[in-house]
Amino acid sequence: MYQPPHFRDDDRAAQHALIRAHPLGLLVSAGPGGLVANPVPFLIDGAGPHGTLRAHLARANPQWQDLAATDECLVVFQGPQAYVTPAWYASKREHGRVVPTWNYVVVQARGRPRVIEDEQWLRRQIADLTAAREAARAEPWAVDDAPEKFVAAQVRALVGLEIPITRIEGKWKMSQNRPEADRRGVVDGLCADGAGAVAALVAERSPA
């Protein structure tokens, strides 16, 4: 990933937090048919030097066969993003030498995938993923709420995936390369456009 120094973030806690907040990663792998990419919801834990990703795929999805035979795959997690118009820059009024851009957050994780067909592992995976997404609901749904025979059939139709991360990169492109007056204009403009999450990150990530 292209990483200008002012956008790069190597903080492991921030990277993992982004993955937990935006767990639908784009899983990219290569096989005999070329590159394949599928959106897959992931869990992440602190196992290993960079963390470990866990997920499951439909057995009918042929990507798992590519993953079983490859030494590395890539998972891309996209956080808040928004278009930035040069009309928000104080620099536009001063000299006009400005161009549009895009502010965004992205975390990329790489590792050697391990395909898992163990039933107990899969049951724990789907229970953990469900609990993570249902926790904030007033009446959380749990896997055990479904009939056991139905759950067993669903599990048989899945394969598990574990990716010990060997390399992880974070990029918070939030106008850190712009003068302070331009950043203030970006914050105001994003708020007016309804992109408050990105505006908050621009304010948070402004250079000291």
N, C-alpha and C. Protein backbone atom coordinates (compact mmCIF):
# COMPACT_ATOMS: atom_id res chain seq x y z
N MET A 1 0.85 -1.19 0.00
CA MET A 1 0.00 0.00 0.00
C MET A 1 0.89 1.24 0.00
N TYR A 2 0.53 2.21 -0.81
CA TYR A 2 1.26 3.48 -0.86
C TYR A 2 1.09 4.18 0.48
N GLN A 3 2.22 4.52 1.12
CA GLN A 3 2.18 5.01 2.49
C GLN A 3 3.02 6.28 2.67
N PRO A 4 2.52 7.46 2.29
CA PRO A 4 3.22 8.68 2.70
C PRO A 4 3.32 8.73 4.23
N PRO A 5 4.44 9.18 4.77
CA PRO A 5 4.65 9.11 6.23
C PRO A 5 3.57 9.78 7.06
N HIS A 6 3.00 10.90 6.59
CA HIS A 6 2.03 11.61 7.43
C HIS A 6 0.69 10.89 7.52
N PHE A 7 0.43 9.89 6.66
CA PHE A 7 -0.82 9.14 6.74
C PHE A 7 -0.66 7.78 7.42
N ARG A 8 0.54 7.34 7.57
CA ARG A 8 0.80 5.99 8.07
C ARG A 8 0.50 5.89 9.57
N ASP A 9 -0.10 4.76 9.97
CA ASP A 9 -0.36 4.52 11.39
C ASP A 9 0.00 3.07 11.71
N ASP A 10 1.06 2.89 12.50
CA ASP A 10 1.51 1.55 12.87
C ASP A 10 1.01 1.13 14.26
N ASP A 11 0.12 1.90 14.84
CA ASP A 11 -0.38 1.57 16.17
C ASP A 11 -1.29 0.34 16.09
N ARG A 12 -0.86 -0.75 16.71
CA ARG A 12 -1.58 -2.00 16.61
C ARG A 12 -2.98 -1.91 17.21
N ALA A 13 -3.11 -1.22 18.32
CA ALA A 13 -4.42 -1.08 18.95
C ALA A 13 -5.39 -0.34 18.03
N ALA A 14 -4.93 0.72 17.37
CA ALA A 14 -5.78 1.46 16.45
C ALA A 14 -6.18 0.61 15.25
N GLN A 15 -5.23 -0.15 14.73
CA GLN A 15 -5.53 -1.03 13.59
C GLN A 15 -6.58 -2.07 13.96
N HIS A 16 -6.40 -2.73 15.11
CA HIS A 16 -7.35 -3.75 15.53
C HIS A 16 -8.72 -3.14 15.83
N ALA A 17 -8.73 -1.94 16.40
CA ALA A 17 -10.00 -1.28 16.69
C ALA A 17 -10.77 -0.97 15.41
N LEU A 18 -10.03 -0.58 14.37
CA LEU A 18 -10.68 -0.31 13.07
C LEU A 18 -11.30 -1.59 12.52
N ILE A 19 -10.59 -2.71 12.64
CA ILE A 19 -11.12 -3.99 12.15
C ILE A 19 -12.37 -4.38 12.93
N ARG A 20 -12.36 -4.17 14.25
CA ARG A 20 -13.53 -4.53 15.05
C ARG A 20 -14.73 -3.63 14.72
N ALA A 21 -14.46 -2.38 14.41
CA ALA A 21 -15.54 -1.45 14.09
C ALA A 21 -16.08 -1.66 12.68
N HIS A 22 -15.22 -2.15 11.79
CA HIS A 22 -15.61 -2.36 10.38
C HIS A 22 -15.16 -3.76 9.96
N PRO A 23 -15.83 -4.79 10.48
CA PRO A 23 -15.31 -6.16 10.34
C PRO A 23 -15.51 -6.81 8.98
N LEU A 24 -16.27 -6.19 8.09
CA LEU A 24 -16.48 -6.79 6.77
C LEU A 24 -15.27 -6.50 5.89
N GLY A 25 -14.34 -7.45 5.85
CA GLY A 25 -13.11 -7.27 5.08
C GLY A 25 -13.23 -7.83 3.68
N LEU A 26 -12.45 -7.29 2.77
CA LEU A 26 -12.37 -7.82 1.41
C LEU A 26 -11.24 -8.83 1.40
N LEU A 27 -11.59 -10.10 1.27
CA LEU A 27 -10.62 -11.20 1.29
C LEU A 27 -10.13 -11.44 -0.13
N VAL A 28 -8.83 -11.25 -0.34
CA VAL A 28 -8.24 -11.35 -1.68
C VAL A 28 -7.22 -12.49 -1.70
N SER A 29 -7.37 -13.37 -2.69
CA SER A 29 -6.42 -14.47 -2.85
C SER A 29 -6.20 -14.74 -4.32
N ALA A 30 -5.15 -15.49 -4.62
CA ALA A 30 -4.84 -15.86 -6.00
C ALA A 30 -4.82 -17.37 -6.12
N GLY A 31 -5.32 -17.87 -7.24
CA GLY A 31 -5.34 -19.30 -7.49
C GLY A 31 -5.21 -19.58 -8.98
N PRO A 32 -5.46 -20.78 -9.40
CA PRO A 32 -5.33 -21.13 -10.81
C PRO A 32 -6.18 -20.27 -11.74
N GLY A 33 -7.30 -19.78 -11.23
CA GLY A 33 -8.18 -18.95 -12.05
C GLY A 33 -7.87 -17.47 -11.98
N GLY A 34 -6.83 -17.09 -11.23
CA GLY A 34 -6.47 -15.69 -11.08
C GLY A 34 -6.86 -15.15 -9.73
N LEU A 35 -6.96 -13.84 -9.64
CA LEU A 35 -7.33 -13.20 -8.38
C LEU A 35 -8.82 -13.37 -8.08
N VAL A 36 -9.12 -13.57 -6.79
CA VAL A 36 -10.49 -13.69 -6.32
C VAL A 36 -10.65 -12.78 -5.11
N ALA A 37 -11.78 -12.08 -5.01
CA ALA A 37 -12.04 -11.21 -3.87
C ALA A 37 -13.48 -11.38 -3.42
N ASN A 38 -13.67 -11.58 -2.12
CA ASN A 38 -15.01 -11.71 -1.55
C ASN A 38 -15.09 -10.93 -0.24
N PRO A 39 -16.21 -10.22 -0.01
CA PRO A 39 -16.41 -9.58 1.30
C PRO A 39 -16.78 -10.64 2.34
N VAL A 40 -16.06 -10.63 3.47
CA VAL A 40 -16.25 -11.64 4.51
C VAL A 40 -16.16 -10.95 5.87
N PRO A 41 -17.09 -11.22 6.79
CA PRO A 41 -16.97 -10.66 8.15
C PRO A 41 -15.92 -11.42 8.96
N PHE A 42 -15.08 -10.67 9.66
CA PHE A 42 -13.97 -11.26 10.41
C PHE A 42 -14.06 -10.91 11.89
N LEU A 43 -13.46 -11.76 12.69
CA LEU A 43 -13.11 -11.47 14.07
C LEU A 43 -11.59 -11.34 14.15
N ILE A 44 -11.10 -10.58 15.10
CA ILE A 44 -9.66 -10.49 15.31
C ILE A 44 -9.36 -10.66 16.79
N ASP A 45 -8.29 -11.40 17.09
CA ASP A 45 -7.84 -11.51 18.48
C ASP A 45 -6.35 -11.19 18.53
N GLY A 46 -5.80 -11.17 19.72
CA GLY A 46 -4.42 -10.73 19.90
C GLY A 46 -3.39 -11.83 19.77
N ALA A 47 -3.79 -13.01 19.33
CA ALA A 47 -2.83 -14.11 19.22
C ALA A 47 -1.77 -13.80 18.17
N GLY A 48 -0.51 -14.10 18.50
CA GLY A 48 0.58 -13.86 17.56
C GLY A 48 1.09 -12.44 17.65
N PRO A 49 2.18 -12.16 16.94
CA PRO A 49 2.80 -10.83 17.02
C PRO A 49 1.94 -9.70 16.46
N HIS A 50 1.06 -10.00 15.50
CA HIS A 50 0.23 -8.95 14.88
C HIS A 50 -1.26 -9.21 15.00
N GLY A 51 -1.64 -10.29 15.69
CA GLY A 51 -3.04 -10.65 15.79
C GLY A 51 -3.40 -11.77 14.82
N THR A 52 -4.58 -12.33 15.00
CA THR A 52 -5.07 -13.42 14.16
C THR A 52 -6.50 -13.13 13.74
N LEU A 53 -6.78 -13.29 12.46
CA LEU A 53 -8.12 -13.10 11.91
C LEU A 53 -8.83 -14.45 11.84
N ARG A 54 -10.13 -14.45 12.16
CA ARG A 54 -10.94 -15.66 12.05
C ARG A 54 -12.20 -15.34 11.26
N ALA A 55 -12.62 -16.30 10.43
CA ALA A 55 -13.82 -16.11 9.62
C ALA A 55 -14.34 -17.47 9.18
N HIS A 56 -15.44 -17.46 8.47
CA HIS A 56 -15.93 -18.68 7.83
C HIS A 56 -16.50 -18.32 6.47
N LEU A 57 -16.45 -19.28 5.58
CA LEU A 57 -16.94 -19.12 4.22
C LEU A 57 -17.92 -20.24 3.90
N ALA A 58 -18.80 -19.99 2.94
CA ALA A 58 -19.66 -21.05 2.45
C ALA A 58 -18.80 -22.11 1.76
N ARG A 59 -19.08 -23.38 2.05
CA ARG A 59 -18.34 -24.45 1.40
C ARG A 59 -18.52 -24.38 -0.12
N ALA A 60 -19.64 -23.84 -0.57
CA ALA A 60 -19.89 -23.71 -2.00
C ALA A 60 -19.04 -22.63 -2.66
N ASN A 61 -18.39 -21.79 -1.84
CA ASN A 61 -17.53 -20.73 -2.38
C ASN A 61 -16.16 -21.32 -2.71
N PRO A 62 -15.77 -21.37 -3.98
CA PRO A 62 -14.51 -22.03 -4.34
C PRO A 62 -13.26 -21.31 -3.84
N GLN A 63 -13.41 -20.12 -3.31
CA GLN A 63 -12.21 -19.41 -2.86
C GLN A 63 -11.48 -20.17 -1.76
N TRP A 64 -12.21 -20.93 -0.95
CA TRP A 64 -11.54 -21.62 0.15
C TRP A 64 -10.52 -22.64 -0.37
N GLN A 65 -10.76 -23.18 -1.55
CA GLN A 65 -9.80 -24.13 -2.13
C GLN A 65 -8.51 -23.41 -2.54
N ASP A 66 -8.64 -22.19 -3.07
CA ASP A 66 -7.44 -21.39 -3.37
C ASP A 66 -6.69 -21.06 -2.08
N LEU A 67 -7.44 -20.73 -1.03
CA LEU A 67 -6.82 -20.37 0.24
C LEU A 67 -6.06 -21.54 0.85
N ALA A 68 -6.59 -22.75 0.67
CA ALA A 68 -5.95 -23.92 1.23
C ALA A 68 -4.61 -24.21 0.56
N ALA A 69 -4.42 -23.68 -0.65
CA ALA A 69 -3.21 -24.00 -1.42
C ALA A 69 -2.23 -22.83 -1.55
N THR A 70 -2.52 -21.71 -0.88
CA THR A 70 -1.68 -20.53 -1.07
C THR A 70 -0.85 -20.23 0.18
N ASP A 71 0.23 -19.51 -0.01
CA ASP A 71 1.09 -19.12 1.11
C ASP A 71 0.70 -17.78 1.72
N GLU A 72 -0.11 -16.99 1.01
CA GLU A 72 -0.47 -15.67 1.53
C GLU A 72 -1.77 -15.19 0.92
N CYS A 73 -2.55 -14.50 1.75
CA CYS A 73 -3.73 -13.81 1.26
C CYS A 73 -3.74 -12.41 1.87
N LEU A 74 -4.62 -11.58 1.37
CA LEU A 74 -4.74 -10.19 1.79
C LEU A 74 -6.18 -9.92 2.21
N VAL A 75 -6.35 -9.22 3.33
CA VAL A 75 -7.68 -8.78 3.75
C VAL A 75 -7.63 -7.26 3.93
N VAL A 76 -8.58 -6.58 3.29
CA VAL A 76 -8.64 -5.12 3.31
C VAL A 76 -9.88 -4.67 4.09
N PHE A 77 -9.66 -3.86 5.11
CA PHE A 77 -10.75 -3.32 5.92
C PHE A 77 -10.85 -1.81 5.67
N GLN A 78 -12.03 -1.36 5.26
CA GLN A 78 -12.25 0.04 4.92
C GLN A 78 -13.04 0.72 6.03
N GLY A 79 -12.49 1.83 6.55
CA GLY A 79 -13.19 2.60 7.57
C GLY A 79 -13.92 3.79 6.97
N PRO A 80 -14.17 4.83 7.76
CA PRO A 80 -14.88 6.01 7.25
C PRO A 80 -14.14 6.64 6.07
N GLN A 81 -14.93 7.18 5.13
CA GLN A 81 -14.33 7.80 3.94
C GLN A 81 -15.27 8.89 3.43
N ALA A 82 -14.70 9.86 2.73
CA ALA A 82 -15.50 10.95 2.17
C ALA A 82 -14.69 11.73 1.14
N TYR A 83 -15.38 12.25 0.17
CA TYR A 83 -14.79 13.15 -0.83
C TYR A 83 -14.49 14.49 -0.19
N VAL A 84 -13.38 15.10 -0.59
CA VAL A 84 -12.99 16.42 -0.09
C VAL A 84 -12.87 17.38 -1.27
N THR A 85 -13.72 18.39 -1.30
CA THR A 85 -13.67 19.38 -2.37
C THR A 85 -12.67 20.49 -2.03
N PRO A 86 -11.93 20.98 -3.03
CA PRO A 86 -11.00 22.09 -2.76
C PRO A 86 -11.71 23.38 -2.38
N ALA A 87 -13.03 23.43 -2.60
CA ALA A 87 -13.79 24.63 -2.21
C ALA A 87 -13.74 24.88 -0.72
N TRP A 88 -13.42 23.84 0.08
CA TRP A 88 -13.36 23.99 1.53
C TRP A 88 -12.03 24.57 2.00
N TYR A 89 -11.03 24.62 1.15
CA TYR A 89 -9.70 25.06 1.55
C TYR A 89 -9.57 26.58 1.59
N ALA A 90 -8.97 27.08 2.65
CA ALA A 90 -8.60 28.49 2.66
C ALA A 90 -7.59 28.78 1.55
N SER A 91 -6.77 27.79 1.21
CA SER A 91 -5.76 27.94 0.15
C SER A 91 -6.38 28.26 -1.19
N LYS A 92 -7.59 27.80 -1.42
CA LYS A 92 -8.26 28.09 -2.70
C LYS A 92 -8.45 29.59 -2.87
N ARG A 93 -8.83 30.24 -1.79
CA ARG A 93 -9.05 31.69 -1.86
C ARG A 93 -7.74 32.45 -1.91
N GLU A 94 -6.67 31.85 -1.40
CA GLU A 94 -5.38 32.54 -1.36
C GLU A 94 -4.65 32.48 -2.69
N HIS A 95 -4.58 31.26 -3.28
CA HIS A 95 -3.79 31.14 -4.51
C HIS A 95 -4.40 30.20 -5.55
N GLY A 96 -5.42 29.43 -5.18
CA GLY A 96 -6.12 28.59 -6.15
C GLY A 96 -5.40 27.31 -6.56
N ARG A 97 -4.21 27.05 -6.05
CA ARG A 97 -3.46 25.87 -6.46
C ARG A 97 -3.87 24.67 -5.57
N VAL A 98 -5.07 24.19 -5.80
CA VAL A 98 -5.62 23.10 -4.99
C VAL A 98 -6.36 22.13 -5.91
N VAL A 99 -6.49 20.92 -5.44
CA VAL A 99 -7.19 19.89 -6.22
C VAL A 99 -8.09 19.08 -5.27
N PRO A 100 -9.09 18.38 -5.83
CA PRO A 100 -9.92 17.51 -4.98
C PRO A 100 -9.12 16.32 -4.48
N THR A 101 -9.63 15.70 -3.42
CA THR A 101 -9.01 14.47 -2.91
C THR A 101 -10.07 13.65 -2.20
N TRP A 102 -9.61 12.59 -1.57
CA TRP A 102 -10.51 11.71 -0.82
C TRP A 102 -9.85 11.40 0.52
N ASN A 103 -10.59 11.55 1.60
CA ASN A 103 -10.11 11.15 2.92
C ASN A 103 -10.67 9.77 3.24
N TYR A 104 -9.84 8.92 3.84
CA TYR A 104 -10.28 7.55 4.11
C TYR A 104 -9.38 6.90 5.15
N VAL A 105 -9.91 5.81 5.70
CA VAL A 105 -9.15 4.97 6.61
C VAL A 105 -9.15 3.55 6.04
N VAL A 106 -7.99 2.91 6.03
CA VAL A 106 -7.91 1.54 5.54
C VAL A 106 -6.85 0.79 6.34
N VAL A 107 -7.13 -0.47 6.60
CA VAL A 107 -6.16 -1.37 7.22
C VAL A 107 -6.05 -2.60 6.32
N GLN A 108 -4.82 -2.97 6.00
CA GLN A 108 -4.56 -4.15 5.19
C GLN A 108 -3.79 -5.16 6.03
N ALA A 109 -4.25 -6.40 6.01
CA ALA A 109 -3.60 -7.47 6.77
C ALA A 109 -3.27 -8.62 5.82
N ARG A 110 -2.06 -9.15 5.99
CA ARG A 110 -1.62 -10.29 5.19
C ARG A 110 -1.21 -11.45 6.09
N GLY A 111 -1.36 -12.65 5.59
CA GLY A 111 -0.93 -13.81 6.34
C GLY A 111 -1.18 -15.09 5.56
N ARG A 112 -0.68 -16.18 6.10
CA ARG A 112 -0.88 -17.49 5.48
C ARG A 112 -2.18 -18.09 6.00
N PRO A 113 -3.16 -18.28 5.14
CA PRO A 113 -4.45 -18.78 5.61
C PRO A 113 -4.42 -20.26 5.97
N ARG A 114 -5.25 -20.61 6.95
CA ARG A 114 -5.42 -22.01 7.32
C ARG A 114 -6.90 -22.33 7.26
N VAL A 115 -7.26 -23.26 6.38
CA VAL A 115 -8.65 -23.68 6.23
C VAL A 115 -8.97 -24.73 7.28
N ILE A 116 -10.11 -24.57 7.95
CA ILE A 116 -10.48 -25.42 9.08
C ILE A 116 -11.85 -26.05 8.82
N GLU A 117 -11.94 -27.36 9.01
CA GLU A 117 -13.21 -28.06 8.80
C GLU A 117 -13.71 -28.71 10.09
N ASP A 118 -13.12 -28.37 11.20
CA ASP A 118 -13.52 -28.92 12.49
C ASP A 118 -14.85 -28.33 12.94
N GLU A 119 -15.80 -29.19 13.27
CA GLU A 119 -17.15 -28.73 13.61
C GLU A 119 -17.17 -27.85 14.86
N GLN A 120 -16.43 -28.23 15.88
CA GLN A 120 -16.43 -27.45 17.11
C GLN A 120 -15.82 -26.07 16.89
N TRP A 121 -14.76 -26.00 16.10
CA TRP A 121 -14.16 -24.70 15.77
C TRP A 121 -15.18 -23.82 15.06
N LEU A 122 -15.88 -24.41 14.10
CA LEU A 122 -16.87 -23.64 13.33
C LEU A 122 -18.02 -23.17 14.22
N ARG A 123 -18.46 -24.02 15.12
CA ARG A 123 -19.55 -23.61 16.02
C ARG A 123 -19.10 -22.45 16.91
N ARG A 124 -17.88 -22.53 17.40
CA ARG A 124 -17.38 -21.43 18.23
C ARG A 124 -17.26 -20.15 17.41
N GLN A 125 -16.79 -20.29 16.17
CA GLN A 125 -16.63 -19.13 15.30
C GLN A 125 -17.96 -18.43 15.05
N ILE A 126 -18.97 -19.18 14.66
CA ILE A 126 -20.24 -18.52 14.35
C ILE A 126 -20.90 -17.96 15.62
N ALA A 127 -20.69 -18.65 16.75
CA ALA A 127 -21.24 -18.13 18.01
C ALA A 127 -20.54 -16.84 18.40
N ASP A 128 -19.21 -16.80 18.27
CA ASP A 128 -18.45 -15.60 18.64
C ASP A 128 -18.79 -14.43 17.72
N LEU A 129 -18.88 -14.69 16.43
CA LEU A 129 -19.19 -13.62 15.48
C LEU A 129 -20.60 -13.07 15.72
N THR A 130 -21.54 -13.98 15.95
CA THR A 130 -22.91 -13.54 16.24
C THR A 130 -22.96 -12.72 17.51
N ALA A 131 -22.30 -13.19 18.56
CA ALA A 131 -22.31 -12.46 19.83
C ALA A 131 -21.71 -11.07 19.68
N ALA A 132 -20.65 -10.95 18.90
CA ALA A 132 -19.99 -9.66 18.70
C ALA A 132 -20.92 -8.66 18.03
N ARG A 133 -21.72 -9.13 17.08
CA ARG A 133 -22.60 -8.21 16.33
C ARG A 133 -23.93 -7.99 17.04
N GLU A 134 -24.36 -8.93 17.86
CA GLU A 134 -25.67 -8.82 18.53
C GLU A 134 -25.58 -8.16 19.90
N ALA A 135 -24.37 -7.98 20.42
CA ALA A 135 -24.20 -7.55 21.81
C ALA A 135 -24.92 -6.24 22.13
N ALA A 136 -24.97 -5.32 21.17
CA ALA A 136 -25.55 -4.00 21.44
C ALA A 136 -27.07 -3.98 21.33
N ARG A 137 -27.67 -5.06 20.88
CA ARG A 137 -29.12 -5.10 20.70
C ARG A 137 -29.83 -5.34 22.03
N ALA A 138 -31.04 -4.80 22.15
CA ALA A 138 -31.79 -4.94 23.39
C ALA A 138 -32.12 -6.41 23.68
N GLU A 139 -32.41 -7.18 22.64
CA GLU A 139 -32.70 -8.60 22.79
C GLU A 139 -31.82 -9.36 21.81
N PRO A 140 -30.57 -9.62 22.18
CA PRO A 140 -29.63 -10.25 21.25
C PRO A 140 -30.09 -11.65 20.82
N TRP A 141 -29.91 -11.92 19.54
CA TRP A 141 -30.17 -13.25 19.02
C TRP A 141 -28.91 -14.09 19.19
N ALA A 142 -29.05 -15.36 19.52
CA ALA A 142 -27.92 -16.26 19.68
C ALA A 142 -28.11 -17.47 18.77
N VAL A 143 -27.02 -18.08 18.38
CA VAL A 143 -27.08 -19.24 17.50
C VAL A 143 -27.96 -20.33 18.11
N ASP A 144 -27.90 -20.49 19.42
CA ASP A 144 -28.69 -21.52 20.10
C ASP A 144 -30.19 -21.26 20.01
N ASP A 145 -30.59 -20.08 19.56
CA ASP A 145 -32.02 -19.80 19.41
C ASP A 145 -32.61 -20.56 18.22
N ALA A 146 -31.77 -20.98 17.29
CA ALA A 146 -32.23 -21.74 16.12
C ALA A 146 -32.26 -23.23 16.46
N PRO A 147 -33.11 -24.01 15.77
CA PRO A 147 -33.17 -25.46 16.03
C PRO A 147 -31.81 -26.13 15.78
N GLU A 148 -31.45 -27.08 16.63
CA GLU A 148 -30.15 -27.73 16.56
C GLU A 148 -29.92 -28.41 15.20
N LYS A 149 -30.92 -29.09 14.68
CA LYS A 149 -30.73 -29.76 13.38
C LYS A 149 -30.45 -28.75 12.28
N PHE A 150 -31.10 -27.61 12.36
CA PHE A 150 -30.87 -26.55 11.37
C PHE A 150 -29.44 -26.02 11.50
N VAL A 151 -28.99 -25.75 12.72
CA VAL A 151 -27.64 -25.25 12.95
C VAL A 151 -26.61 -26.25 12.45
N ALA A 152 -26.81 -27.54 12.75
CA ALA A 152 -25.87 -28.57 12.32
C ALA A 152 -25.75 -28.61 10.81
N ALA A 153 -26.88 -28.45 10.13
CA ALA A 153 -26.85 -28.45 8.66
C ALA A 153 -26.11 -27.22 8.14
N GLN A 154 -26.31 -26.09 8.78
CA GLN A 154 -25.61 -24.88 8.37
C GLN A 154 -24.11 -25.02 8.56
N VAL A 155 -23.70 -25.59 9.68
CA VAL A 155 -22.27 -25.77 9.97
C VAL A 155 -21.63 -26.68 8.93
N ARG A 156 -22.33 -27.72 8.52
CA ARG A 156 -21.78 -28.62 7.50
C ARG A 156 -21.57 -27.91 6.16
N ALA A 157 -22.26 -26.81 5.96
CA ALA A 157 -22.14 -26.06 4.71
C ALA A 157 -21.08 -24.97 4.77
N LEU A 158 -20.27 -24.97 5.84
CA LEU A 158 -19.26 -23.94 6.04
C LEU A 158 -17.86 -24.53 6.11
N VAL A 159 -16.88 -23.69 5.84
CA VAL A 159 -15.48 -23.99 6.17
C VAL A 159 -14.94 -22.81 6.96
N GLY A 160 -14.04 -23.09 7.89
CA GLY A 160 -13.46 -22.04 8.70
C GLY A 160 -12.17 -21.51 8.10
N LEU A 161 -11.80 -20.33 8.54
CA LEU A 161 -10.57 -19.69 8.04
C LEU A 161 -9.89 -18.98 9.19
N GLU A 162 -8.62 -19.26 9.37
CA GLU A 162 -7.80 -18.59 10.37
C GLU A 162 -6.57 -18.03 9.68
N ILE A 163 -6.28 -16.75 9.93
CA ILE A 163 -5.14 -16.09 9.29
C ILE A 163 -4.27 -15.44 10.36
N PRO A 164 -3.21 -16.10 10.80
CA PRO A 164 -2.23 -15.41 11.67
C PRO A 164 -1.57 -14.30 10.85
N ILE A 165 -1.69 -13.07 11.30
CA ILE A 165 -1.22 -11.93 10.51
C ILE A 165 0.30 -11.84 10.55
N THR A 166 0.90 -11.81 9.37
CA THR A 166 2.35 -11.65 9.28
C THR A 166 2.75 -10.21 8.98
N ARG A 167 1.80 -9.45 8.40
CA ARG A 167 2.08 -8.03 8.13
C ARG A 167 0.76 -7.27 8.15
N ILE A 168 0.74 -6.14 8.83
CA ILE A 168 -0.46 -5.31 8.90
C ILE A 168 -0.07 -3.86 8.74
N GLU A 169 -0.86 -3.13 7.95
CA GLU A 169 -0.59 -1.72 7.67
C GLU A 169 -1.86 -0.91 7.88
N GLY A 170 -1.69 0.26 8.49
CA GLY A 170 -2.81 1.16 8.68
C GLY A 170 -2.55 2.49 8.00
N LYS A 171 -3.59 3.04 7.38
CA LYS A 171 -3.47 4.33 6.71
C LYS A 171 -4.69 5.18 7.06
N TRP A 172 -4.44 6.30 7.74
CA TRP A 172 -5.48 7.27 8.08
C TRP A 172 -5.20 8.52 7.26
N LYS A 173 -5.78 8.61 6.08
CA LYS A 173 -5.57 9.79 5.21
C LYS A 173 -6.62 10.82 5.58
N MET A 174 -6.26 11.77 6.44
CA MET A 174 -7.21 12.71 7.01
C MET A 174 -6.70 14.14 6.95
N SER A 175 -6.23 14.54 5.79
CA SER A 175 -5.83 15.93 5.53
C SER A 175 -4.65 16.38 6.38
N GLN A 176 -3.84 15.43 6.89
CA GLN A 176 -2.69 15.82 7.71
C GLN A 176 -1.66 16.62 6.92
N ASN A 177 -1.71 16.52 5.59
CA ASN A 177 -0.72 17.23 4.76
C ASN A 177 -1.17 18.64 4.40
N ARG A 178 -2.33 19.07 4.89
CA ARG A 178 -2.85 20.41 4.56
C ARG A 178 -2.55 21.39 5.69
N PRO A 179 -2.45 22.69 5.37
CA PRO A 179 -2.29 23.71 6.42
C PRO A 179 -3.48 23.71 7.38
N GLU A 180 -3.25 24.27 8.56
CA GLU A 180 -4.29 24.23 9.59
C GLU A 180 -5.59 24.87 9.12
N ALA A 181 -5.51 26.00 8.41
CA ALA A 181 -6.73 26.67 7.95
C ALA A 181 -7.50 25.78 6.97
N ASP A 182 -6.79 25.05 6.13
CA ASP A 182 -7.46 24.12 5.20
C ASP A 182 -8.14 23.00 5.97
N ARG A 183 -7.49 22.47 7.00
CA ARG A 183 -8.08 21.38 7.79
C ARG A 183 -9.35 21.86 8.49
N ARG A 184 -9.33 23.08 9.01
CA ARG A 184 -10.55 23.60 9.63
C ARG A 184 -11.68 23.68 8.61
N GLY A 185 -11.35 24.10 7.40
CA GLY A 185 -12.37 24.16 6.35
C GLY A 185 -12.90 22.78 5.98
N VAL A 186 -12.02 21.78 5.99
CA VAL A 186 -12.44 20.41 5.70
C VAL A 186 -13.38 19.90 6.78
N VAL A 187 -13.05 20.16 8.04
CA VAL A 187 -13.91 19.73 9.14
C VAL A 187 -15.29 20.35 9.00
N ASP A 188 -15.35 21.65 8.76
CA ASP A 188 -16.64 22.33 8.63
C ASP A 188 -17.42 21.80 7.42
N GLY A 189 -16.72 21.61 6.31
CA GLY A 189 -17.38 21.13 5.10
C GLY A 189 -17.91 19.72 5.26
N LEU A 190 -17.14 18.85 5.86
CA LEU A 190 -17.59 17.47 6.06
C LEU A 190 -18.79 17.42 6.99
N CYS A 191 -18.77 18.22 8.03
CA CYS A 191 -19.92 18.27 8.94
C CYS A 191 -21.17 18.72 8.20
N ALA A 192 -21.04 19.73 7.36
CA ALA A 192 -22.18 20.22 6.59
C ALA A 192 -22.69 19.18 5.60
N ASP A 193 -21.78 18.31 5.12
CA ASP A 193 -22.16 17.26 4.17
C ASP A 193 -22.66 15.99 4.84
N GLY A 194 -22.73 15.99 6.16
CA GLY A 194 -23.21 14.81 6.87
C GLY A 194 -22.16 13.74 7.08
N ALA A 195 -20.88 14.10 6.89
CA ALA A 195 -19.80 13.14 7.07
C ALA A 195 -19.09 13.41 8.39
N GLY A 196 -19.87 13.43 9.47
CA GLY A 196 -19.33 13.78 10.77
C GLY A 196 -18.24 12.84 11.26
N ALA A 197 -18.32 11.54 10.91
CA ALA A 197 -17.32 10.59 11.37
C ALA A 197 -15.95 10.91 10.78
N VAL A 198 -15.95 11.31 9.50
CA VAL A 198 -14.69 11.68 8.86
C VAL A 198 -14.20 13.02 9.41
N ALA A 199 -15.12 13.96 9.61
CA ALA A 199 -14.74 15.25 10.18
C ALA A 199 -14.06 15.08 11.53
N ALA A 200 -14.61 14.19 12.36
CA ALA A 200 -14.02 13.96 13.68
C ALA A 200 -12.62 13.40 13.58
N LEU A 201 -12.38 12.53 12.57
CA LEU A 201 -11.05 11.97 12.39
C LEU A 201 -10.07 13.03 11.87
N VAL A 202 -10.54 13.93 11.02
CA VAL A 202 -9.66 15.01 10.54
C VAL A 202 -9.22 15.87 11.73
N ALA A 203 -10.16 16.21 12.61
CA ALA A 203 -9.82 17.01 13.79
C ALA A 203 -8.89 16.23 14.71
N GLU A 204 -9.17 14.94 14.90
CA GLU A 204 -8.36 14.12 15.81
C GLU A 204 -6.95 13.91 15.28
N ARG A 205 -6.84 13.79 13.96
CA ARG A 205 -5.54 13.45 13.36
C ARG A 205 -4.74 14.68 12.92
N SER A 206 -5.21 15.86 13.20
CA SER A 206 -4.47 17.06 12.82
C SER A 206 -3.12 17.07 13.52
N PRO A 207 -2.04 17.40 12.80
CA PRO A 207 -0.72 17.44 13.43
C PRO A 207 -0.70 18.42 14.60
N ALA A 208 0.07 18.06 15.61
CA ALA A 208 0.17 18.94 16.80
C ALA A 208 0.84 20.24 16.44
